[in-house]
C-alpha cells in the first residue's frame, strides 16, 4: 500500500480551509471551496484537509454537485477572483 503524499500547497491551503471552517458562506468562499475540492480530489494524502472540506460542505448544506453548479454560475456571471493590490500571482497548482 503506497504511503500518503504531502501536497506542495498543503500548508497554504490549510490556512484557507481554516478560514472556510470559521467563515461565512459567500461567493468568494464558495469558489475557494470548489477550487480546493478539485485540487484534492483523488489526491493520495492530505486526508485531514479532505475531511475538513467535506465538513464545510456539510455545514453549508451543499452536495459537491450543488457546489460546482453554483460556482459555474458565479464564474459565468463574472470574475470571482479579484487580484489584491500589487498581487498578480495566480495559483493553478
N, C-alpha and C. Protein backbone atom coordinates (compact mmCIF):
# COMPACT_ATOMS: atom_id res chain seq x y z
N UNK A 1 0.85 -1.18 0.00
CA UNK A 1 0.00 0.00 0.00
C UNK A 1 0.89 1.24 0.00
N UNK A 2 0.70 2.15 -0.98
CA UNK A 2 1.56 3.33 -1.06
C UNK A 2 1.31 4.29 0.11
N UNK A 3 2.36 5.00 0.47
CA UNK A 3 2.29 5.96 1.57
C UNK A 3 1.62 7.26 1.09
N UNK A 4 0.88 7.90 1.99
CA UNK A 4 0.26 9.18 1.64
C UNK A 4 1.33 10.21 1.28
N UNK A 5 0.99 11.06 0.34
CA UNK A 5 1.89 12.13 -0.09
C UNK A 5 1.48 13.44 0.57
N UNK A 6 2.42 14.37 0.63
CA UNK A 6 2.11 15.72 1.09
C UNK A 6 1.99 16.62 -0.13
N UNK A 7 0.88 17.29 -0.26
CA UNK A 7 0.66 18.18 -1.40
C UNK A 7 1.56 19.41 -1.24
N UNK A 8 2.17 19.88 -2.33
CA UNK A 8 3.07 21.03 -2.22
C UNK A 8 2.39 22.31 -1.75
N UNK A 9 1.08 22.42 -1.92
CA UNK A 9 0.33 23.61 -1.49
C UNK A 9 -0.40 23.39 -0.17
N UNK A 10 -0.14 22.27 0.50
CA UNK A 10 -0.92 21.89 1.68
C UNK A 10 -0.87 22.92 2.81
N UNK A 11 0.29 23.47 3.09
CA UNK A 11 0.40 24.45 4.18
C UNK A 11 -0.43 25.69 3.88
N UNK A 12 -0.29 26.20 2.69
CA UNK A 12 -1.05 27.38 2.27
C UNK A 12 -2.55 27.07 2.24
N UNK A 13 -2.90 25.91 1.74
CA UNK A 13 -4.31 25.52 1.65
C UNK A 13 -4.92 25.29 3.03
N UNK A 14 -4.13 24.83 3.98
CA UNK A 14 -4.64 24.63 5.34
C UNK A 14 -5.18 25.94 5.89
N UNK A 15 -4.49 27.04 5.63
CA UNK A 15 -4.95 28.36 6.08
C UNK A 15 -6.30 28.71 5.46
N UNK A 16 -6.46 28.41 4.19
CA UNK A 16 -7.73 28.68 3.50
C UNK A 16 -8.83 27.82 4.09
N UNK A 17 -8.54 26.54 4.31
CA UNK A 17 -9.53 25.63 4.87
C UNK A 17 -9.94 26.09 6.27
N UNK A 18 -9.00 26.53 7.07
CA UNK A 18 -9.33 27.04 8.40
C UNK A 18 -10.26 28.24 8.31
N UNK A 19 -10.02 29.09 7.34
CA UNK A 19 -10.90 30.25 7.13
C UNK A 19 -12.30 29.78 6.73
N UNK A 20 -12.37 28.80 5.83
CA UNK A 20 -13.67 28.29 5.40
C UNK A 20 -14.44 27.67 6.56
N UNK A 21 -13.73 27.01 7.45
CA UNK A 21 -14.37 26.38 8.60
C UNK A 21 -14.96 27.42 9.56
N UNK A 22 -14.37 28.60 9.61
CA UNK A 22 -14.81 29.59 10.57
C UNK A 22 -15.53 30.78 9.95
N UNK A 23 -15.59 30.83 8.63
CA UNK A 23 -16.15 32.00 7.95
C UNK A 23 -17.55 31.70 7.43
N UNK A 24 -18.12 32.71 6.82
CA UNK A 24 -19.48 32.59 6.31
C UNK A 24 -19.49 32.17 4.85
N UNK A 25 -20.65 31.75 4.44
CA UNK A 25 -20.91 31.33 3.07
C UNK A 25 -21.06 32.59 2.21
N UNK A 26 -20.12 32.83 1.30
CA UNK A 26 -20.23 33.92 0.34
C UNK A 26 -19.62 33.46 -0.98
N UNK A 27 -19.71 34.29 -1.99
CA UNK A 27 -19.25 33.90 -3.33
C UNK A 27 -17.77 33.53 -3.35
N UNK A 28 -16.95 34.33 -2.71
CA UNK A 28 -15.52 34.06 -2.71
C UNK A 28 -15.21 32.73 -2.01
N UNK A 29 -15.79 32.53 -0.83
CA UNK A 29 -15.55 31.29 -0.09
C UNK A 29 -16.10 30.08 -0.84
N UNK A 30 -17.22 30.26 -1.52
CA UNK A 30 -17.79 29.18 -2.33
C UNK A 30 -16.80 28.77 -3.43
N UNK A 31 -16.22 29.76 -4.10
CA UNK A 31 -15.24 29.50 -5.16
C UNK A 31 -13.99 28.84 -4.59
N UNK A 32 -13.56 29.29 -3.42
CA UNK A 32 -12.38 28.68 -2.79
C UNK A 32 -12.63 27.22 -2.43
N UNK A 33 -13.81 26.94 -1.91
CA UNK A 33 -14.15 25.56 -1.57
C UNK A 33 -14.14 24.69 -2.80
N UNK A 34 -14.74 25.16 -3.88
CA UNK A 34 -14.76 24.38 -5.13
C UNK A 34 -13.34 24.16 -5.66
N UNK A 35 -12.53 25.19 -5.62
CA UNK A 35 -11.14 25.09 -6.10
C UNK A 35 -10.37 24.02 -5.32
N UNK A 36 -10.53 24.04 -4.01
CA UNK A 36 -9.81 23.06 -3.19
C UNK A 36 -10.39 21.66 -3.33
N UNK A 37 -11.69 21.54 -3.52
CA UNK A 37 -12.29 20.21 -3.75
C UNK A 37 -11.69 19.59 -5.00
N UNK A 38 -11.53 20.39 -6.03
CA UNK A 38 -10.94 19.89 -7.28
C UNK A 38 -9.47 19.54 -7.07
N UNK A 39 -8.73 20.41 -6.39
CA UNK A 39 -7.31 20.18 -6.17
C UNK A 39 -7.05 18.88 -5.42
N UNK A 40 -7.85 18.61 -4.40
CA UNK A 40 -7.58 17.45 -3.54
C UNK A 40 -8.39 16.21 -3.91
N UNK A 41 -9.20 16.30 -4.95
CA UNK A 41 -9.95 15.13 -5.41
C UNK A 41 -8.96 14.05 -5.85
N UNK A 42 -9.12 12.89 -5.30
CA UNK A 42 -8.27 11.73 -5.63
C UNK A 42 -6.80 11.92 -5.30
N UNK A 43 -6.46 12.94 -4.51
CA UNK A 43 -5.06 13.12 -4.11
C UNK A 43 -4.73 12.10 -3.03
N UNK A 44 -3.62 11.38 -3.18
CA UNK A 44 -3.26 10.34 -2.21
C UNK A 44 -2.57 10.90 -0.96
N UNK A 45 -3.30 11.67 -0.21
CA UNK A 45 -2.77 12.28 1.00
C UNK A 45 -3.65 13.44 1.43
N UNK A 46 -3.13 14.28 2.32
CA UNK A 46 -3.87 15.46 2.82
C UNK A 46 -5.26 15.05 3.30
N UNK A 47 -5.32 13.94 4.01
CA UNK A 47 -6.61 13.38 4.44
C UNK A 47 -7.38 14.34 5.34
N UNK A 48 -6.68 15.07 6.21
CA UNK A 48 -7.39 15.98 7.12
C UNK A 48 -7.99 17.14 6.35
N UNK A 49 -7.28 17.66 5.36
CA UNK A 49 -7.85 18.73 4.53
C UNK A 49 -9.08 18.20 3.81
N UNK A 50 -9.01 17.00 3.25
CA UNK A 50 -10.15 16.44 2.55
C UNK A 50 -11.35 16.28 3.49
N UNK A 51 -11.11 15.83 4.71
CA UNK A 51 -12.20 15.68 5.69
C UNK A 51 -12.78 17.04 6.05
N UNK A 52 -11.92 18.04 6.22
CA UNK A 52 -12.40 19.37 6.57
C UNK A 52 -13.19 20.00 5.43
N UNK A 53 -12.80 19.74 4.18
CA UNK A 53 -13.58 20.23 3.05
C UNK A 53 -14.96 19.59 3.03
N UNK A 54 -15.03 18.29 3.35
CA UNK A 54 -16.32 17.61 3.48
C UNK A 54 -17.17 18.28 4.57
N UNK A 55 -16.52 18.63 5.68
CA UNK A 55 -17.22 19.26 6.79
C UNK A 55 -17.79 20.62 6.39
N UNK A 56 -17.03 21.40 5.64
CA UNK A 56 -17.52 22.70 5.18
C UNK A 56 -18.74 22.50 4.29
N UNK A 57 -18.67 21.57 3.37
CA UNK A 57 -19.84 21.27 2.52
C UNK A 57 -21.05 20.94 3.37
N UNK A 58 -20.85 20.10 4.36
CA UNK A 58 -21.94 19.69 5.24
C UNK A 58 -22.51 20.89 6.00
N UNK A 59 -21.65 21.72 6.55
CA UNK A 59 -22.10 22.90 7.31
C UNK A 59 -22.89 23.85 6.44
N UNK A 60 -22.50 23.97 5.18
CA UNK A 60 -23.17 24.89 4.27
C UNK A 60 -24.39 24.24 3.61
N UNK A 61 -24.62 22.96 3.90
CA UNK A 61 -25.80 22.26 3.39
C UNK A 61 -25.77 22.04 1.89
N UNK A 62 -24.58 21.74 1.37
CA UNK A 62 -24.41 21.56 -0.07
C UNK A 62 -23.88 20.16 -0.38
N UNK A 63 -24.26 19.66 -1.55
CA UNK A 63 -23.58 18.49 -2.10
C UNK A 63 -22.47 19.03 -2.99
N UNK A 64 -21.56 18.15 -3.37
CA UNK A 64 -20.48 18.59 -4.25
C UNK A 64 -21.05 19.08 -5.59
N UNK A 65 -22.05 18.40 -6.11
CA UNK A 65 -22.65 18.82 -7.38
C UNK A 65 -23.29 20.20 -7.26
N UNK A 66 -23.97 20.47 -6.14
CA UNK A 66 -24.57 21.80 -5.93
C UNK A 66 -23.48 22.86 -5.83
N UNK A 67 -22.39 22.54 -5.15
CA UNK A 67 -21.26 23.45 -5.05
C UNK A 67 -20.73 23.81 -6.43
N UNK A 68 -20.49 22.80 -7.25
CA UNK A 68 -19.94 23.05 -8.59
C UNK A 68 -20.93 23.79 -9.48
N UNK A 69 -22.21 23.51 -9.35
CA UNK A 69 -23.22 24.21 -10.13
C UNK A 69 -23.24 25.70 -9.76
N UNK A 70 -23.22 25.98 -8.47
CA UNK A 70 -23.23 27.38 -8.02
C UNK A 70 -21.97 28.12 -8.45
N UNK A 71 -20.83 27.45 -8.38
CA UNK A 71 -19.59 28.14 -8.77
C UNK A 71 -19.52 28.32 -10.28
N UNK A 72 -20.08 27.38 -11.05
CA UNK A 72 -20.15 27.60 -12.50
C UNK A 72 -20.96 28.85 -12.81
N UNK A 73 -22.07 29.03 -12.11
CA UNK A 73 -22.89 30.23 -12.31
C UNK A 73 -22.12 31.49 -11.92
N UNK A 74 -21.39 31.43 -10.82
CA UNK A 74 -20.58 32.58 -10.40
C UNK A 74 -19.55 32.96 -11.47
N UNK A 75 -18.87 31.96 -12.00
CA UNK A 75 -17.83 32.23 -12.99
C UNK A 75 -18.43 32.73 -14.31
N UNK A 76 -19.62 32.26 -14.66
CA UNK A 76 -20.28 32.75 -15.87
C UNK A 76 -20.71 34.20 -15.72
N UNK A 77 -21.08 34.59 -14.50
CA UNK A 77 -21.56 35.95 -14.25
C UNK A 77 -20.43 36.98 -14.23
N UNK A 78 -19.23 36.55 -13.97
CA UNK A 78 -18.10 37.49 -13.91
C UNK A 78 -16.95 36.90 -13.14
N UNK A 79 -15.92 37.70 -13.00
CA UNK A 79 -14.71 37.23 -12.34
C UNK A 79 -14.91 37.15 -10.84
N UNK A 80 -14.75 35.96 -10.30
CA UNK A 80 -14.91 35.73 -8.87
C UNK A 80 -13.69 36.21 -8.12
N UNK A 81 -12.53 35.93 -8.67
CA UNK A 81 -11.27 36.28 -8.00
C UNK A 81 -10.77 37.62 -8.52
N UNK A 82 -10.75 38.60 -7.65
CA UNK A 82 -10.21 39.91 -7.99
C UNK A 82 -8.83 40.02 -7.35
N UNK A 83 -7.78 40.27 -8.16
CA UNK A 83 -6.45 40.37 -7.56
C UNK A 83 -6.38 41.52 -6.55
N UNK A 84 -5.68 41.26 -5.46
CA UNK A 84 -5.46 42.31 -4.45
C UNK A 84 -4.41 43.27 -4.99
N UNK A 85 -4.39 44.44 -4.44
CA UNK A 85 -3.44 45.45 -4.88
C UNK A 85 -2.02 44.90 -4.86
N UNK A 86 -1.34 44.99 -6.00
CA UNK A 86 0.03 44.52 -6.10
C UNK A 86 0.16 43.02 -6.25
N UNK A 87 -0.95 42.32 -6.39
CA UNK A 87 -0.90 40.86 -6.49
C UNK A 87 -1.25 40.44 -7.91
N UNK A 88 -0.34 39.74 -8.55
CA UNK A 88 -0.64 39.24 -9.88
C UNK A 88 -0.38 37.74 -10.00
N UNK A 89 -0.04 37.12 -8.90
CA UNK A 89 0.24 35.69 -8.88
C UNK A 89 -1.06 34.90 -8.90
N UNK A 90 -1.11 33.91 -9.77
CA UNK A 90 -2.25 33.01 -9.80
C UNK A 90 -1.79 31.63 -9.36
N UNK A 91 -2.63 30.95 -8.60
CA UNK A 91 -2.29 29.63 -8.08
C UNK A 91 -3.15 28.58 -8.76
N UNK A 92 -2.62 27.95 -9.78
CA UNK A 92 -3.37 26.94 -10.55
C UNK A 92 -2.87 25.53 -10.25
N UNK A 93 -2.00 25.39 -9.25
CA UNK A 93 -1.46 24.06 -8.97
C UNK A 93 -2.42 23.20 -8.21
